């Protein structure tokens, strides 16, 4: 989610608080363990709801441009909350 924070900084806005937890699924694939899925649960706390639509747009960009998501084969599913 560092990609999200970088995009937000570029827009000149910042969440008042940000946290993200993750759950990874691992399976034995062709004799070795491999991530077969990753669920991210980012919670983005806003100082006010004025920039909610901008943060939503930044999340969409994050999904498309995440360095980590492009570096692994497992699908990454985002379960974001903007609070």
N, C-alpha and C. Protein backbone atom coordinates (compact mmCIF):
# COMPACT_ATOMS: atom_id res chain seq x y z
N UNK A 1 0.81 -1.20 0.00
CA UNK A 1 0.00 0.00 0.00
C UNK A 1 0.86 1.26 0.00
N UNK A 2 2.16 1.10 -0.12
CA UNK A 2 3.02 2.28 -0.25
C UNK A 2 2.69 3.01 -1.55
N UNK A 3 2.23 2.28 -2.55
CA UNK A 3 1.82 2.91 -3.81
C UNK A 3 0.67 3.88 -3.54
N UNK A 4 -0.29 3.46 -2.72
CA UNK A 4 -1.42 4.33 -2.37
C UNK A 4 -0.92 5.61 -1.71
N UNK A 5 -0.04 5.48 -0.74
CA UNK A 5 0.46 6.65 -0.02
C UNK A 5 1.24 7.58 -0.94
N UNK A 6 1.98 7.00 -1.89
CA UNK A 6 2.73 7.82 -2.85
C UNK A 6 1.78 8.61 -3.75
N UNK A 7 0.72 7.96 -4.24
CA UNK A 7 -0.26 8.65 -5.08
C UNK A 7 -0.98 9.75 -4.28
N UNK A 8 -1.32 9.48 -3.04
CA UNK A 8 -1.99 10.49 -2.20
C UNK A 8 -1.08 11.70 -1.99
N UNK A 9 0.20 11.44 -1.72
CA UNK A 9 1.15 12.54 -1.54
C UNK A 9 1.27 13.37 -2.80
N UNK A 10 1.29 12.70 -3.96
CA UNK A 10 1.38 13.40 -5.24
C UNK A 10 0.16 14.31 -5.46
N UNK A 11 -1.00 13.89 -4.97
CA UNK A 11 -2.22 14.70 -5.06
C UNK A 11 -2.26 15.82 -4.02
N UNK A 12 -1.32 15.77 -3.06
CA UNK A 12 -1.26 16.79 -2.03
C UNK A 12 -2.26 16.60 -0.91
N UNK A 13 -2.73 15.36 -0.74
CA UNK A 13 -3.65 15.05 0.35
C UNK A 13 -3.10 13.89 1.14
N UNK A 14 -3.57 13.77 2.37
CA UNK A 14 -3.09 12.67 3.21
C UNK A 14 -4.22 12.19 4.10
N UNK A 15 -4.29 10.89 4.32
CA UNK A 15 -5.28 10.40 5.29
C UNK A 15 -4.85 10.80 6.69
N UNK A 16 -5.81 10.90 7.60
CA UNK A 16 -5.43 11.21 8.98
C UNK A 16 -4.81 9.99 9.65
N UNK A 17 -5.18 8.80 9.19
CA UNK A 17 -4.61 7.56 9.71
C UNK A 17 -4.78 6.49 8.63
N UNK A 18 -3.85 5.56 8.59
CA UNK A 18 -3.89 4.51 7.58
C UNK A 18 -3.34 3.24 8.20
N UNK A 19 -4.05 2.15 8.00
CA UNK A 19 -3.50 0.86 8.41
C UNK A 19 -3.98 -0.19 7.43
N UNK A 20 -3.21 -1.25 7.32
CA UNK A 20 -3.54 -2.30 6.37
C UNK A 20 -3.11 -3.65 6.93
N UNK A 21 -4.03 -4.58 6.93
CA UNK A 21 -3.69 -5.95 7.32
C UNK A 21 -3.82 -6.83 6.08
N UNK A 22 -3.20 -8.00 6.14
CA UNK A 22 -3.21 -8.89 4.98
C UNK A 22 -3.36 -10.34 5.42
N UNK A 23 -3.99 -11.11 4.57
CA UNK A 23 -4.10 -12.55 4.77
C UNK A 23 -3.63 -13.20 3.48
N UNK A 24 -2.63 -14.06 3.60
CA UNK A 24 -2.12 -14.78 2.43
C UNK A 24 -2.51 -16.25 2.48
N UNK A 25 -2.82 -16.79 1.32
CA UNK A 25 -3.11 -18.23 1.22
C UNK A 25 -1.92 -18.90 0.54
N UNK A 26 -1.45 -19.98 1.16
CA UNK A 26 -0.29 -20.71 0.66
C UNK A 26 -0.72 -22.14 0.38
N UNK A 27 -0.28 -22.66 -0.75
CA UNK A 27 -0.55 -24.05 -1.10
C UNK A 27 0.72 -24.68 -1.67
N UNK A 28 0.75 -26.00 -1.59
CA UNK A 28 1.85 -26.75 -2.20
C UNK A 28 1.56 -26.86 -3.70
N UNK A 29 2.42 -26.27 -4.50
CA UNK A 29 2.25 -26.26 -5.95
C UNK A 29 3.52 -26.85 -6.57
N UNK A 30 3.36 -27.95 -7.25
CA UNK A 30 4.49 -28.61 -7.93
C UNK A 30 5.68 -28.81 -7.01
N UNK A 31 5.40 -29.23 -5.79
CA UNK A 31 6.47 -29.57 -4.86
C UNK A 31 7.02 -28.43 -4.03
N UNK A 32 6.50 -27.22 -4.18
CA UNK A 32 6.99 -26.11 -3.34
C UNK A 32 5.80 -25.24 -2.90
N UNK A 33 5.99 -24.56 -1.77
CA UNK A 33 4.94 -23.69 -1.27
C UNK A 33 4.89 -22.40 -2.08
N UNK A 34 3.68 -21.96 -2.33
CA UNK A 34 3.49 -20.78 -3.17
C UNK A 34 2.26 -20.01 -2.68
N UNK A 35 2.35 -18.68 -2.71
CA UNK A 35 1.17 -17.88 -2.43
C UNK A 35 0.17 -18.09 -3.56
N UNK A 36 -1.06 -18.42 -3.22
CA UNK A 36 -2.09 -18.61 -4.23
C UNK A 36 -3.16 -17.52 -4.16
N UNK A 37 -3.05 -16.65 -3.20
CA UNK A 37 -3.97 -15.52 -3.08
C UNK A 37 -3.59 -14.65 -1.90
N UNK A 38 -3.87 -13.38 -2.03
CA UNK A 38 -3.58 -12.43 -0.96
C UNK A 38 -4.76 -11.48 -0.85
N UNK A 39 -5.27 -11.31 0.35
CA UNK A 39 -6.34 -10.36 0.62
C UNK A 39 -5.77 -9.23 1.46
N UNK A 40 -5.94 -8.01 0.98
CA UNK A 40 -5.50 -6.82 1.71
C UNK A 40 -6.72 -6.11 2.28
N UNK A 41 -6.58 -5.63 3.50
CA UNK A 41 -7.66 -4.94 4.19
C UNK A 41 -7.20 -3.55 4.63
N UNK A 42 -7.03 -2.63 3.66
CA UNK A 42 -6.62 -1.28 4.05
C UNK A 42 -7.79 -0.51 4.66
N UNK A 43 -7.50 0.22 5.71
CA UNK A 43 -8.47 1.14 6.32
C UNK A 43 -7.86 2.53 6.22
N UNK A 44 -8.58 3.40 5.55
CA UNK A 44 -8.10 4.76 5.31
C UNK A 44 -9.03 5.71 6.07
N UNK A 45 -8.47 6.39 7.05
CA UNK A 45 -9.25 7.32 7.86
C UNK A 45 -9.02 8.73 7.33
N UNK A 46 -10.10 9.41 7.00
CA UNK A 46 -10.01 10.76 6.45
C UNK A 46 -10.27 11.80 7.53
N UNK A 47 -9.59 12.95 7.43
CA UNK A 47 -9.87 14.02 8.40
C UNK A 47 -11.28 14.56 8.22
N UNK A 48 -11.78 14.54 6.99
CA UNK A 48 -13.17 14.90 6.68
C UNK A 48 -13.53 14.18 5.38
N UNK A 49 -14.78 14.18 5.03
CA UNK A 49 -15.22 13.43 3.85
C UNK A 49 -15.09 14.24 2.56
N UNK A 50 -14.50 15.42 2.64
CA UNK A 50 -14.36 16.30 1.48
C UNK A 50 -13.61 15.64 0.33
N UNK A 51 -12.57 14.87 0.63
CA UNK A 51 -11.74 14.25 -0.41
C UNK A 51 -12.03 12.77 -0.63
N UNK A 52 -13.19 12.31 -0.21
CA UNK A 52 -13.50 10.88 -0.32
C UNK A 52 -13.42 10.39 -1.76
N UNK A 53 -13.95 11.14 -2.71
CA UNK A 53 -13.93 10.69 -4.11
C UNK A 53 -12.50 10.65 -4.65
N UNK A 54 -11.66 11.60 -4.23
CA UNK A 54 -10.25 11.60 -4.66
C UNK A 54 -9.54 10.37 -4.11
N UNK A 55 -9.79 10.02 -2.86
CA UNK A 55 -9.17 8.82 -2.28
C UNK A 55 -9.66 7.56 -3.00
N UNK A 56 -10.92 7.54 -3.39
CA UNK A 56 -11.45 6.39 -4.14
C UNK A 56 -10.74 6.25 -5.48
N UNK A 57 -10.51 7.36 -6.15
CA UNK A 57 -9.78 7.34 -7.43
C UNK A 57 -8.34 6.88 -7.22
N UNK A 58 -7.72 7.31 -6.14
CA UNK A 58 -6.34 6.90 -5.83
C UNK A 58 -6.30 5.39 -5.59
N UNK A 59 -7.30 4.84 -4.92
CA UNK A 59 -7.35 3.39 -4.70
C UNK A 59 -7.43 2.63 -6.02
N UNK A 60 -8.20 3.14 -6.97
CA UNK A 60 -8.29 2.50 -8.29
C UNK A 60 -6.92 2.52 -8.97
N UNK A 61 -6.23 3.66 -8.92
CA UNK A 61 -4.88 3.74 -9.50
C UNK A 61 -3.93 2.78 -8.80
N UNK A 62 -4.08 2.65 -7.48
CA UNK A 62 -3.22 1.75 -6.71
C UNK A 62 -3.38 0.31 -7.19
N UNK A 63 -4.60 -0.11 -7.44
CA UNK A 63 -4.86 -1.47 -7.93
C UNK A 63 -4.12 -1.71 -9.24
N UNK A 64 -4.12 -0.72 -10.13
CA UNK A 64 -3.50 -0.87 -11.45
C UNK A 64 -1.98 -0.80 -11.44
N UNK A 65 -1.41 -0.03 -10.51
CA UNK A 65 0.02 0.29 -10.57
C UNK A 65 0.86 -0.24 -9.42
N UNK A 66 0.31 -1.09 -8.59
CA UNK A 66 1.05 -1.61 -7.43
C UNK A 66 2.27 -2.42 -7.88
N UNK A 67 3.42 -2.04 -7.39
CA UNK A 67 4.67 -2.74 -7.73
C UNK A 67 4.63 -4.18 -7.24
N UNK A 68 4.16 -4.37 -6.03
CA UNK A 68 4.12 -5.72 -5.47
C UNK A 68 3.13 -6.59 -6.23
N UNK A 69 1.97 -6.04 -6.55
CA UNK A 69 0.97 -6.82 -7.29
C UNK A 69 1.50 -7.27 -8.64
N UNK A 70 2.37 -6.48 -9.25
CA UNK A 70 2.95 -6.85 -10.54
C UNK A 70 4.16 -7.77 -10.40
N UNK A 71 4.61 -7.98 -9.17
CA UNK A 71 5.81 -8.77 -8.93
C UNK A 71 5.52 -10.21 -8.52
N UNK A 72 4.28 -10.51 -8.21
CA UNK A 72 3.93 -11.88 -7.80
C UNK A 72 2.79 -12.40 -8.67
N UNK A 73 2.67 -13.71 -8.72
CA UNK A 73 1.64 -14.33 -9.57
C UNK A 73 0.29 -14.45 -8.89
N UNK A 74 0.26 -14.46 -7.58
CA UNK A 74 -1.00 -14.66 -6.86
C UNK A 74 -1.92 -13.45 -7.04
N UNK A 75 -3.21 -13.70 -7.16
CA UNK A 75 -4.14 -12.57 -7.24
C UNK A 75 -4.22 -11.85 -5.89
N UNK A 76 -4.35 -10.54 -5.97
CA UNK A 76 -4.48 -9.71 -4.77
C UNK A 76 -5.86 -9.09 -4.79
N UNK A 77 -6.59 -9.28 -3.72
CA UNK A 77 -7.95 -8.74 -3.62
C UNK A 77 -7.94 -7.68 -2.53
N UNK A 78 -8.44 -6.50 -2.87
CA UNK A 78 -8.49 -5.38 -1.93
C UNK A 78 -9.88 -5.31 -1.31
N UNK A 79 -9.93 -5.17 0.00
CA UNK A 79 -11.17 -5.00 0.75
C UNK A 79 -11.05 -3.66 1.50
N UNK A 80 -11.01 -2.58 0.76
CA UNK A 80 -10.72 -1.30 1.38
C UNK A 80 -11.94 -0.69 2.06
N UNK A 81 -11.63 0.12 3.05
CA UNK A 81 -12.64 0.91 3.77
C UNK A 81 -12.12 2.34 3.85
N UNK A 82 -12.98 3.27 3.48
CA UNK A 82 -12.65 4.69 3.64
C UNK A 82 -13.57 5.19 4.74
N UNK A 83 -12.95 5.61 5.84
CA UNK A 83 -13.72 6.00 7.03
C UNK A 83 -13.53 7.47 7.35
